[in-house]
Amino acid sequence: MGVGQQLSSSKPRYRFEGGRWCIDLKLKSARHLFDNRDPAPFRERELDAEAVEYVLTSVAEIGKQPLSLVLTFEEQEATLPPEVVKDAIAAHLRYEIEKAGLRLSTHWRRTRYLLITGLSVLVLFLFLAELAVSKLAEGPIRQILREGLVITGWVAMWRPLEALLYDWWPLIRHRWRLQQIAAADVVINVTQP
């Protein structure tokens, strides 16, 4: 769903404020933003997977628009000043962008391997098809064998071509979304009960 579709509904999902779309996260405290299983200090801790998924989904819905990530905490914690939270978010996003880049590099290496394998199989099966034509007597068996070898050779190219043409787009989109979140303004609000 794009931003235009959201605006046509009775209540928009995201606020537009100061020239930016606002993704609001309301949490009890700053500690709820982080993965509780991660024992690292807060600056190095991973963000909660559900919070990250919510923000990524929001970015997908909003599209390539300027963003603000608005965090509202119900409790003030002296141990986690806003700068620490912002630094932790930035560090997590840098790490995720790096991981996304590595996944993309791995994909291209795997795609090269698939292409080499697929082309080798294609050449082999086309050669066998021509060999069948030259060695077998005229008739339906020769034609069926030739066509079967040609089709099998081209089917071997299906996965390499899929990887080359289509599989990298989701990886690129994921990295773009992470970069968009990393470029977002982070606003921290604390409400007093």
N, C-alpha and C. Protein backbone atom coordinates (compact mmCIF):
# COMPACT_ATOMS: atom_id res chain seq x y z
N MET A 1 0.85 -1.18 0.00
CA MET A 1 0.00 0.00 0.00
C MET A 1 0.89 1.23 0.00
N GLY A 2 0.69 2.14 -0.93
CA GLY A 2 1.47 3.36 -1.00
C GLY A 2 0.90 4.44 -0.11
N VAL A 3 1.66 5.52 0.00
CA VAL A 3 1.24 6.63 0.85
C VAL A 3 -0.07 7.22 0.34
N GLY A 4 -0.22 7.32 -0.98
CA GLY A 4 -1.46 7.86 -1.54
C GLY A 4 -2.67 7.05 -1.14
N GLN A 5 -2.52 5.73 -1.11
CA GLN A 5 -3.63 4.87 -0.71
C GLN A 5 -3.94 5.05 0.77
N GLN A 6 -2.90 5.26 1.57
CA GLN A 6 -3.13 5.45 3.00
C GLN A 6 -3.92 6.73 3.25
N LEU A 7 -3.62 7.77 2.49
CA LEU A 7 -4.27 9.04 2.72
C LEU A 7 -5.75 9.01 2.34
N SER A 8 -6.12 8.08 1.45
CA SER A 8 -7.52 8.02 1.06
C SER A 8 -8.38 7.33 2.11
N SER A 9 -7.77 6.59 3.02
CA SER A 9 -8.55 5.94 4.08
C SER A 9 -8.96 6.98 5.11
N SER A 10 -9.86 6.61 6.01
CA SER A 10 -10.39 7.58 6.97
C SER A 10 -9.32 8.08 7.94
N LYS A 11 -8.37 7.23 8.33
CA LYS A 11 -7.34 7.66 9.27
C LYS A 11 -5.98 7.21 8.73
N PRO A 12 -5.10 8.15 8.38
CA PRO A 12 -3.80 7.75 7.85
C PRO A 12 -2.97 7.02 8.91
N ARG A 13 -2.21 6.06 8.46
CA ARG A 13 -1.38 5.27 9.36
C ARG A 13 -0.17 6.05 9.85
N TYR A 14 0.33 6.96 9.01
CA TYR A 14 1.54 7.72 9.34
C TYR A 14 1.25 9.21 9.30
N ARG A 15 1.89 9.91 10.19
CA ARG A 15 1.74 11.38 10.21
C ARG A 15 2.74 11.99 9.23
N PHE A 16 2.37 13.12 8.68
CA PHE A 16 3.28 13.90 7.84
C PHE A 16 3.53 15.19 8.58
N GLU A 17 4.77 15.39 8.99
CA GLU A 17 5.09 16.53 9.85
C GLU A 17 6.47 17.05 9.48
N GLY A 18 6.57 18.34 9.29
CA GLY A 18 7.86 18.96 8.98
C GLY A 18 8.48 18.45 7.69
N GLY A 19 7.64 18.10 6.72
CA GLY A 19 8.15 17.62 5.44
C GLY A 19 8.62 16.18 5.45
N ARG A 20 8.30 15.45 6.53
CA ARG A 20 8.73 14.05 6.64
C ARG A 20 7.57 13.18 7.11
N TRP A 21 7.59 11.93 6.65
CA TRP A 21 6.63 10.94 7.16
C TRP A 21 7.17 10.40 8.46
N CYS A 22 6.30 10.36 9.47
CA CYS A 22 6.72 9.94 10.81
C CYS A 22 6.30 8.49 11.07
N ILE A 23 7.27 7.68 11.44
CA ILE A 23 7.00 6.31 11.88
C ILE A 23 7.08 6.34 13.39
N ASP A 24 5.93 6.14 14.04
CA ASP A 24 5.86 6.23 15.49
C ASP A 24 6.02 4.87 16.14
N LEU A 25 6.89 4.81 17.14
CA LEU A 25 7.04 3.62 17.97
C LEU A 25 6.81 4.05 19.41
N LYS A 26 5.79 3.49 20.05
CA LYS A 26 5.50 3.81 21.44
C LYS A 26 5.88 2.61 22.29
N LEU A 27 6.81 2.84 23.21
CA LEU A 27 7.33 1.76 24.05
C LEU A 27 7.30 2.19 25.51
N LYS A 28 7.27 1.20 26.39
CA LYS A 28 7.26 1.50 27.81
C LYS A 28 8.56 2.19 28.23
N SER A 29 9.69 1.66 27.74
CA SER A 29 10.98 2.29 28.05
C SER A 29 11.93 2.04 26.90
N ALA A 30 13.06 2.71 26.92
CA ALA A 30 14.07 2.55 25.87
C ALA A 30 14.59 1.12 25.84
N ARG A 31 14.59 0.44 26.97
CA ARG A 31 15.08 -0.95 27.02
C ARG A 31 14.23 -1.89 26.15
N HIS A 32 12.96 -1.54 25.94
CA HIS A 32 12.10 -2.38 25.11
C HIS A 32 12.42 -2.29 23.62
N LEU A 33 13.25 -1.34 23.25
CA LEU A 33 13.68 -1.19 21.86
C LEU A 33 14.74 -2.23 21.50
N PHE A 34 15.40 -2.78 22.51
CA PHE A 34 16.53 -3.68 22.28
C PHE A 34 16.15 -5.13 22.51
N ASP A 35 16.91 -6.02 21.88
CA ASP A 35 16.73 -7.46 22.06
C ASP A 35 17.23 -7.82 23.46
N ASN A 36 16.33 -8.31 24.29
CA ASN A 36 16.68 -8.63 25.68
C ASN A 36 17.65 -9.80 25.81
N ARG A 37 17.75 -10.63 24.78
CA ARG A 37 18.64 -11.79 24.85
C ARG A 37 20.08 -11.41 24.58
N ASP A 38 20.31 -10.22 24.04
CA ASP A 38 21.66 -9.79 23.69
C ASP A 38 22.33 -9.18 24.92
N PRO A 39 23.42 -9.79 25.42
CA PRO A 39 24.06 -9.29 26.64
C PRO A 39 25.00 -8.11 26.41
N ALA A 40 25.18 -7.66 25.21
CA ALA A 40 26.12 -6.57 24.91
C ALA A 40 25.63 -5.26 25.53
N PRO A 41 26.56 -4.31 25.71
CA PRO A 41 26.13 -2.97 26.17
C PRO A 41 25.15 -2.37 25.16
N PHE A 42 24.34 -1.41 25.62
CA PHE A 42 23.26 -0.89 24.78
C PHE A 42 23.75 -0.30 23.47
N ARG A 43 24.91 0.34 23.46
CA ARG A 43 25.41 0.92 22.21
C ARG A 43 25.69 -0.15 21.15
N GLU A 44 25.95 -1.38 21.58
CA GLU A 44 26.30 -2.45 20.65
C GLU A 44 25.19 -3.49 20.52
N ARG A 45 24.11 -3.29 21.19
CA ARG A 45 23.04 -4.28 21.22
C ARG A 45 22.20 -4.28 19.97
N GLU A 46 21.66 -5.43 19.64
CA GLU A 46 20.74 -5.52 18.52
C GLU A 46 19.38 -4.95 18.92
N LEU A 47 18.72 -4.36 17.95
CA LEU A 47 17.38 -3.86 18.20
C LEU A 47 16.41 -5.04 18.20
N ASP A 48 15.29 -4.86 18.84
CA ASP A 48 14.26 -5.89 18.89
C ASP A 48 13.79 -6.20 17.47
N ALA A 49 13.73 -7.48 17.14
CA ALA A 49 13.39 -7.91 15.78
C ALA A 49 12.00 -7.42 15.35
N GLU A 50 11.03 -7.42 16.27
CA GLU A 50 9.68 -6.98 15.93
C GLU A 50 9.65 -5.47 15.64
N ALA A 51 10.43 -4.71 16.39
CA ALA A 51 10.48 -3.27 16.15
C ALA A 51 11.11 -2.98 14.79
N VAL A 52 12.18 -3.69 14.47
CA VAL A 52 12.84 -3.50 13.17
C VAL A 52 11.90 -3.90 12.04
N GLU A 53 11.19 -5.01 12.20
CA GLU A 53 10.26 -5.47 11.16
C GLU A 53 9.14 -4.44 10.95
N TYR A 54 8.64 -3.87 12.04
CA TYR A 54 7.60 -2.85 11.93
C TYR A 54 8.11 -1.64 11.15
N VAL A 55 9.32 -1.19 11.46
CA VAL A 55 9.88 -0.02 10.78
C VAL A 55 10.13 -0.34 9.30
N LEU A 56 10.67 -1.52 9.01
CA LEU A 56 10.92 -1.90 7.61
C LEU A 56 9.61 -1.98 6.82
N THR A 57 8.58 -2.53 7.43
CA THR A 57 7.28 -2.61 6.77
C THR A 57 6.72 -1.20 6.53
N SER A 58 6.90 -0.33 7.50
CA SER A 58 6.44 1.06 7.35
C SER A 58 7.15 1.76 6.21
N VAL A 59 8.46 1.54 6.11
CA VAL A 59 9.24 2.16 5.04
C VAL A 59 8.77 1.63 3.68
N ALA A 60 8.46 0.34 3.62
CA ALA A 60 7.96 -0.25 2.37
C ALA A 60 6.63 0.39 1.98
N GLU A 61 5.78 0.67 2.95
CA GLU A 61 4.48 1.29 2.66
C GLU A 61 4.62 2.76 2.27
N ILE A 62 5.52 3.46 2.94
CA ILE A 62 5.69 4.90 2.68
C ILE A 62 6.40 5.12 1.35
N GLY A 63 7.38 4.30 1.05
CA GLY A 63 8.15 4.48 -0.18
C GLY A 63 9.34 5.39 0.05
N LYS A 64 9.91 5.85 -1.04
CA LYS A 64 11.12 6.68 -0.96
C LYS A 64 10.74 8.12 -0.64
N GLN A 65 10.47 8.36 0.62
CA GLN A 65 10.10 9.68 1.12
C GLN A 65 10.98 9.99 2.33
N PRO A 66 11.20 11.26 2.63
CA PRO A 66 11.94 11.59 3.84
C PRO A 66 11.19 11.09 5.08
N LEU A 67 11.95 10.56 6.04
CA LEU A 67 11.35 9.92 7.21
C LEU A 67 11.83 10.54 8.51
N SER A 68 10.99 10.38 9.52
CA SER A 68 11.38 10.61 10.91
C SER A 68 10.95 9.37 11.68
N LEU A 69 11.85 8.88 12.50
CA LEU A 69 11.55 7.77 13.39
C LEU A 69 11.29 8.39 14.76
N VAL A 70 10.03 8.34 15.18
CA VAL A 70 9.63 9.00 16.43
C VAL A 70 9.43 7.94 17.50
N LEU A 71 10.31 7.95 18.49
CA LEU A 71 10.25 6.99 19.59
C LEU A 71 9.66 7.69 20.80
N THR A 72 8.58 7.13 21.33
CA THR A 72 7.95 7.70 22.51
C THR A 72 8.04 6.66 23.62
N PHE A 73 8.71 7.05 24.70
CA PHE A 73 8.89 6.16 25.86
C PHE A 73 8.02 6.67 27.00
N GLU A 74 7.38 5.75 27.70
CA GLU A 74 6.54 6.12 28.82
C GLU A 74 7.36 6.41 30.08
N GLU A 75 8.54 5.84 30.17
CA GLU A 75 9.37 6.01 31.37
C GLU A 75 10.70 6.63 30.99
N GLN A 76 11.14 7.57 31.79
CA GLN A 76 12.46 8.18 31.61
C GLN A 76 13.47 7.30 32.33
N GLU A 77 14.56 6.98 31.64
CA GLU A 77 15.61 6.18 32.27
C GLU A 77 16.89 6.98 32.26
N ALA A 78 17.44 7.22 33.43
CA ALA A 78 18.67 7.99 33.54
C ALA A 78 19.84 7.25 32.89
N THR A 79 19.74 5.92 32.85
CA THR A 79 20.85 5.14 32.31
C THR A 79 20.89 5.13 30.79
N LEU A 80 19.82 5.54 30.15
CA LEU A 80 19.78 5.54 28.69
C LEU A 80 19.39 6.90 28.14
N PRO A 81 20.34 7.81 28.07
CA PRO A 81 20.02 9.12 27.49
C PRO A 81 19.73 9.00 26.00
N PRO A 82 19.03 9.98 25.45
CA PRO A 82 18.65 9.92 24.03
C PRO A 82 19.85 9.69 23.09
N GLU A 83 21.00 10.25 23.40
CA GLU A 83 22.17 10.07 22.53
C GLU A 83 22.58 8.60 22.45
N VAL A 84 22.47 7.88 23.57
CA VAL A 84 22.83 6.46 23.60
C VAL A 84 21.86 5.67 22.72
N VAL A 85 20.58 6.00 22.83
CA VAL A 85 19.57 5.31 22.02
C VAL A 85 19.82 5.59 20.54
N LYS A 86 20.06 6.84 20.19
CA LYS A 86 20.32 7.20 18.79
C LYS A 86 21.58 6.51 18.27
N ASP A 87 22.64 6.50 19.09
CA ASP A 87 23.88 5.82 18.69
C ASP A 87 23.66 4.33 18.49
N ALA A 88 22.86 3.72 19.36
CA ALA A 88 22.58 2.28 19.25
C ALA A 88 21.80 1.98 17.98
N ILE A 89 20.83 2.82 17.66
CA ILE A 89 20.05 2.64 16.43
C ILE A 89 20.97 2.78 15.22
N ALA A 90 21.81 3.81 15.21
CA ALA A 90 22.72 4.03 14.09
C ALA A 90 23.69 2.86 13.94
N ALA A 91 24.23 2.37 15.06
CA ALA A 91 25.17 1.24 15.00
C ALA A 91 24.48 -0.02 14.47
N HIS A 92 23.26 -0.26 14.93
CA HIS A 92 22.52 -1.43 14.46
C HIS A 92 22.25 -1.33 12.95
N LEU A 93 21.85 -0.16 12.49
CA LEU A 93 21.56 0.01 11.07
C LEU A 93 22.83 -0.12 10.22
N ARG A 94 23.96 0.42 10.69
CA ARG A 94 25.22 0.24 9.96
C ARG A 94 25.55 -1.24 9.81
N TYR A 95 25.38 -1.98 10.90
CA TYR A 95 25.64 -3.42 10.88
C TYR A 95 24.70 -4.14 9.91
N GLU A 96 23.41 -3.80 9.94
CA GLU A 96 22.44 -4.43 9.05
C GLU A 96 22.71 -4.08 7.58
N ILE A 97 23.12 -2.85 7.31
CA ILE A 97 23.46 -2.45 5.93
C ILE A 97 24.67 -3.23 5.46
N GLU A 98 25.65 -3.40 6.34
CA GLU A 98 26.83 -4.20 6.00
C GLU A 98 26.44 -5.65 5.71
N LYS A 99 25.56 -6.22 6.54
CA LYS A 99 25.09 -7.59 6.31
C LYS A 99 24.34 -7.70 4.99
N ALA A 100 23.53 -6.71 4.67
CA ALA A 100 22.78 -6.71 3.41
C ALA A 100 23.74 -6.67 2.23
N GLY A 101 24.80 -5.89 2.34
CA GLY A 101 25.81 -5.84 1.29
C GLY A 101 26.52 -7.17 1.13
N LEU A 102 26.81 -7.83 2.24
CA LEU A 102 27.44 -9.15 2.17
C LEU A 102 26.51 -10.17 1.53
N ARG A 103 25.22 -10.12 1.87
CA ARG A 103 24.25 -11.04 1.24
C ARG A 103 24.19 -10.81 -0.27
N LEU A 104 24.27 -9.55 -0.68
CA LEU A 104 24.26 -9.24 -2.11
C LEU A 104 25.53 -9.77 -2.79
N SER A 105 26.68 -9.59 -2.16
CA SER A 105 27.93 -10.13 -2.71
C SER A 105 27.88 -11.65 -2.81
N THR A 106 27.36 -12.29 -1.77
CA THR A 106 27.22 -13.75 -1.78
C THR A 106 26.29 -14.18 -2.90
N HIS A 107 25.21 -13.43 -3.09
CA HIS A 107 24.27 -13.76 -4.16
C HIS A 107 24.96 -13.71 -5.52
N TRP A 108 25.78 -12.67 -5.76
CA TRP A 108 26.43 -12.55 -7.07
C TRP A 108 27.45 -13.67 -7.27
N ARG A 109 28.17 -14.05 -6.21
CA ARG A 109 29.09 -15.19 -6.33
C ARG A 109 28.33 -16.46 -6.68
N ARG A 110 27.23 -16.70 -5.99
CA ARG A 110 26.41 -17.88 -6.23
C ARG A 110 25.81 -17.84 -7.64
N THR A 111 25.40 -16.66 -8.08
CA THR A 111 24.83 -16.52 -9.42
C THR A 111 25.88 -16.85 -10.48
N ARG A 112 27.12 -16.40 -10.30
CA ARG A 112 28.18 -16.75 -11.25
C ARG A 112 28.37 -18.26 -11.32
N TYR A 113 28.37 -18.91 -10.15
CA TYR A 113 28.51 -20.38 -10.11
C TYR A 113 27.33 -21.04 -10.83
N LEU A 114 26.13 -20.56 -10.57
CA LEU A 114 24.95 -21.12 -11.24
C LEU A 114 25.01 -20.92 -12.75
N LEU A 115 25.46 -19.76 -13.19
CA LEU A 115 25.55 -19.50 -14.63
C LEU A 115 26.58 -20.40 -15.30
N ILE A 116 27.73 -20.56 -14.65
CA ILE A 116 28.77 -21.44 -15.21
C ILE A 116 28.24 -22.86 -15.31
N THR A 117 27.59 -23.33 -14.23
CA THR A 117 27.03 -24.68 -14.23
C THR A 117 25.93 -24.82 -15.28
N GLY A 118 25.00 -23.87 -15.30
CA GLY A 118 23.89 -23.93 -16.26
C GLY A 118 24.36 -23.89 -17.70
N LEU A 119 25.32 -23.00 -18.01
CA LEU A 119 25.83 -22.92 -19.38
C LEU A 119 26.58 -24.19 -19.77
N SER A 120 27.31 -24.76 -18.82
CA SER A 120 28.02 -26.03 -19.10
C SER A 120 27.03 -27.14 -19.42
N VAL A 121 25.98 -27.24 -18.61
CA VAL A 121 24.95 -28.26 -18.86
C VAL A 121 24.25 -28.00 -20.19
N LEU A 122 23.95 -26.75 -20.48
CA LEU A 122 23.30 -26.41 -21.75
C LEU A 122 24.17 -26.82 -22.94
N VAL A 123 25.44 -26.45 -22.91
CA VAL A 123 26.35 -26.80 -24.01
C VAL A 123 26.44 -28.32 -24.15
N LEU A 124 26.58 -29.02 -23.02
CA LEU A 124 26.67 -30.48 -23.06
C LEU A 124 25.41 -31.09 -23.69
N PHE A 125 24.25 -30.65 -23.26
CA PHE A 125 23.01 -31.24 -23.76
C PHE A 125 22.74 -30.86 -25.22
N LEU A 126 23.11 -29.64 -25.63
CA LEU A 126 22.98 -29.28 -27.05
C LEU A 126 23.93 -30.12 -27.91
N PHE A 127 25.13 -30.35 -27.39
CA PHE A 127 26.08 -31.22 -28.09
C PHE A 127 25.52 -32.64 -28.22
N LEU A 128 24.97 -33.17 -27.10
CA LEU A 128 24.39 -34.51 -27.14
C LEU A 128 23.20 -34.58 -28.10
N ALA A 129 22.42 -33.51 -28.16
CA ALA A 129 21.28 -33.47 -29.09
C ALA A 129 21.76 -33.55 -30.53
N GLU A 130 22.80 -32.79 -30.85
CA GLU A 130 23.34 -32.84 -32.21
C GLU A 130 24.00 -34.19 -32.50
N LEU A 131 24.64 -34.76 -31.48
CA LEU A 131 25.23 -36.09 -31.63
C LEU A 131 24.15 -37.13 -31.90
N ALA A 132 23.03 -37.02 -31.21
CA ALA A 132 21.91 -37.95 -31.42
C ALA A 132 21.39 -37.85 -32.84
N VAL A 133 21.33 -36.63 -33.37
CA VAL A 133 20.85 -36.43 -34.75
C VAL A 133 21.82 -37.08 -35.74
N SER A 134 23.11 -36.94 -35.49
CA SER A 134 24.08 -37.46 -36.45
C SER A 134 24.29 -38.97 -36.33
N LYS A 135 24.04 -39.58 -35.18
CA LYS A 135 24.35 -40.99 -34.97
C LYS A 135 23.13 -41.91 -35.08
N LEU A 136 21.95 -41.40 -34.85
CA LEU A 136 20.76 -42.25 -34.89
C LEU A 136 20.07 -42.15 -36.24
N ALA A 137 19.41 -43.23 -36.58
CA ALA A 137 18.68 -43.27 -37.85
C ALA A 137 17.45 -42.36 -37.76
N GLU A 138 17.05 -41.87 -38.91
CA GLU A 138 15.86 -41.01 -39.01
C GLU A 138 14.66 -41.72 -38.41
N GLY A 139 13.87 -41.00 -37.61
CA GLY A 139 12.68 -41.59 -37.03
C GLY A 139 12.23 -40.84 -35.79
N PRO A 140 11.11 -41.27 -35.20
CA PRO A 140 10.56 -40.56 -34.04
C PRO A 140 11.45 -40.64 -32.80
N ILE A 141 12.17 -41.74 -32.61
CA ILE A 141 13.05 -41.87 -31.43
C ILE A 141 14.14 -40.80 -31.48
N ARG A 142 14.75 -40.64 -32.64
CA ARG A 142 15.80 -39.62 -32.80
C ARG A 142 15.24 -38.23 -32.51
N GLN A 143 14.07 -37.93 -33.03
CA GLN A 143 13.46 -36.61 -32.84
C GLN A 143 13.11 -36.38 -31.36
N ILE A 144 12.53 -37.40 -30.73
CA ILE A 144 12.16 -37.28 -29.30
C ILE A 144 13.42 -37.10 -28.45
N LEU A 145 14.45 -37.88 -28.70
CA LEU A 145 15.69 -37.76 -27.94
C LEU A 145 16.33 -36.39 -28.13
N ARG A 146 16.36 -35.92 -29.37
CA ARG A 146 16.94 -34.60 -29.63
C ARG A 146 16.18 -33.51 -28.90
N GLU A 147 14.86 -33.51 -29.06
CA GLU A 147 14.04 -32.48 -28.41
C GLU A 147 14.16 -32.56 -26.89
N GLY A 148 14.17 -33.77 -26.34
CA GLY A 148 14.31 -33.94 -24.89
C GLY A 148 15.62 -33.39 -24.38
N LEU A 149 16.71 -33.64 -25.10
CA LEU A 149 18.02 -33.12 -24.70
C LEU A 149 18.08 -31.60 -24.80
N VAL A 150 17.50 -31.04 -25.86
CA VAL A 150 17.49 -29.57 -26.01
C VAL A 150 16.67 -28.93 -24.88
N ILE A 151 15.50 -29.49 -24.61
CA ILE A 151 14.65 -28.92 -23.56
C ILE A 151 15.33 -29.04 -22.20
N THR A 152 15.93 -30.19 -21.92
CA THR A 152 16.63 -30.38 -20.64
C THR A 152 17.78 -29.39 -20.49
N GLY A 153 18.51 -29.16 -21.56
CA GLY A 153 19.59 -28.18 -21.52
C GLY A 153 19.10 -26.78 -21.17
N TRP A 154 17.98 -26.38 -21.80
CA TRP A 154 17.44 -25.05 -21.51
C TRP A 154 16.81 -24.98 -20.12
N VAL A 155 16.22 -26.06 -19.66
CA VAL A 155 15.66 -26.07 -18.30
C VAL A 155 16.78 -25.89 -17.27
N ALA A 156 17.96 -26.41 -17.58
CA ALA A 156 19.10 -26.24 -16.66
C ALA A 156 19.47 -24.76 -16.50
N MET A 157 19.07 -23.92 -17.45
CA MET A 157 19.36 -22.49 -17.36
C MET A 157 18.30 -21.71 -16.59
N TRP A 158 17.20 -22.36 -16.23
CA TRP A 158 16.10 -21.67 -15.57
C TRP A 158 16.57 -20.98 -14.29
N ARG A 159 17.15 -21.75 -13.37
CA ARG A 159 17.56 -21.19 -12.07
C ARG A 159 18.65 -20.14 -12.20
N PRO A 160 19.70 -20.38 -13.02
CA PRO A 160 20.71 -19.32 -13.18
C PRO A 160 20.12 -18.01 -13.71
N LEU A 161 19.21 -18.11 -14.67
CA LEU A 161 18.60 -16.89 -15.22
C LEU A 161 17.69 -16.21 -14.20
N GLU A 162 16.98 -17.01 -13.42
CA GLU A 162 16.14 -16.45 -12.36
C GLU A 162 17.00 -15.69 -11.35
N ALA A 163 18.13 -16.29 -10.97
CA ALA A 163 19.03 -15.62 -10.02
C ALA A 163 19.62 -14.35 -10.62
N LEU A 164 19.98 -14.41 -11.90
CA LEU A 164 20.59 -13.26 -12.56
C LEU A 164 19.60 -12.12 -12.78
N LEU A 165 18.36 -12.45 -13.14
CA LEU A 165 17.40 -11.42 -13.51
C LEU A 165 16.51 -10.93 -12.38
N TYR A 166 16.18 -11.80 -11.41
CA TYR A 166 15.13 -11.45 -10.45
C TYR A 166 15.52 -11.52 -8.98
N ASP A 167 16.33 -12.48 -8.59
CA ASP A 167 16.55 -12.72 -7.16
C ASP A 167 17.28 -11.62 -6.43
N TRP A 168 17.99 -10.75 -7.12
CA TRP A 168 18.76 -9.72 -6.45
C TRP A 168 17.94 -8.49 -6.09
N TRP A 169 16.77 -8.32 -6.72
CA TRP A 169 15.96 -7.13 -6.42
C TRP A 169 15.51 -7.05 -4.97
N PRO A 170 15.02 -8.12 -4.36
CA PRO A 170 14.64 -8.01 -2.94
C PRO A 170 15.82 -7.66 -2.04
N LEU A 171 17.01 -8.14 -2.39
CA LEU A 171 18.20 -7.81 -1.60
C LEU A 171 18.54 -6.33 -1.71
N ILE A 172 18.44 -5.81 -2.92
CA ILE A 172 18.70 -4.38 -3.13
C ILE A 172 17.65 -3.53 -2.41
N ARG A 173 16.38 -3.92 -2.54
CA ARG A 173 15.30 -3.16 -1.88
C ARG A 173 15.49 -3.14 -0.37
N HIS A 174 15.87 -4.30 0.20
CA HIS A 174 16.09 -4.36 1.65
C HIS A 174 17.21 -3.42 2.06
N ARG A 175 18.30 -3.41 1.31
CA ARG A 175 19.41 -2.51 1.64
C ARG A 175 19.00 -1.05 1.49
N TRP A 176 18.22 -0.73 0.43
CA TRP A 176 17.74 0.65 0.26
C TRP A 176 16.89 1.08 1.44
N ARG A 177 16.02 0.19 1.90
CA ARG A 177 15.15 0.53 3.05
C ARG A 177 15.98 0.76 4.30
N LEU A 178 16.97 -0.07 4.53
CA LEU A 178 17.84 0.13 5.69
C LEU A 178 18.57 1.47 5.59
N GLN A 179 19.05 1.81 4.40
CA GLN A 179 19.73 3.09 4.21
C GLN A 179 18.76 4.25 4.41
N GLN A 180 17.52 4.08 4.00
CA GLN A 180 16.51 5.12 4.19
C GLN A 180 16.23 5.33 5.68
N ILE A 181 16.17 4.23 6.44
CA ILE A 181 15.95 4.35 7.88
C ILE A 181 17.17 5.00 8.53
N ALA A 182 18.37 4.62 8.08
CA ALA A 182 19.59 5.21 8.65
C ALA A 182 19.64 6.71 8.41
N ALA A 183 19.06 7.17 7.30
CA ALA A 183 19.06 8.61 6.99
C ALA A 183 17.93 9.36 7.69
N ALA A 184 17.03 8.63 8.33
CA ALA A 184 15.87 9.26 8.98
C ALA A 184 16.29 10.05 10.22
N ASP A 185 15.53 11.11 10.50
CA ASP A 185 15.70 11.81 11.77
C ASP A 185 15.15 10.92 12.87
N VAL A 186 15.86 10.84 13.98
CA VAL A 186 15.38 10.08 15.13
C VAL A 186 14.97 11.08 16.20
N VAL A 187 13.69 11.03 16.56
CA VAL A 187 13.14 11.94 17.57
C VAL A 187 12.74 11.10 18.76
N ILE A 188 13.16 11.49 19.96
CA ILE A 188 12.84 10.74 21.16
C ILE A 188 11.99 11.63 22.07
N ASN A 189 10.83 11.11 22.43
CA ASN A 189 9.93 11.78 23.36
C ASN A 189 9.74 10.91 24.59
N VAL A 190 9.59 11.55 25.72
CA VAL A 190 9.30 10.82 26.95
C VAL A 190 8.01 11.40 27.53
N THR A 191 7.02 10.54 27.73
CA THR A 191 5.78 10.99 28.35
C THR A 191 5.82 10.65 29.82
N GLN A 192 5.32 11.52 30.62
CA GLN A 192 5.27 11.28 32.05
C GLN A 192 3.88 10.75 32.40
N PRO A 193 3.82 9.62 33.13
CA PRO A 193 2.50 9.05 33.48
C PRO A 193 1.69 9.95 34.37
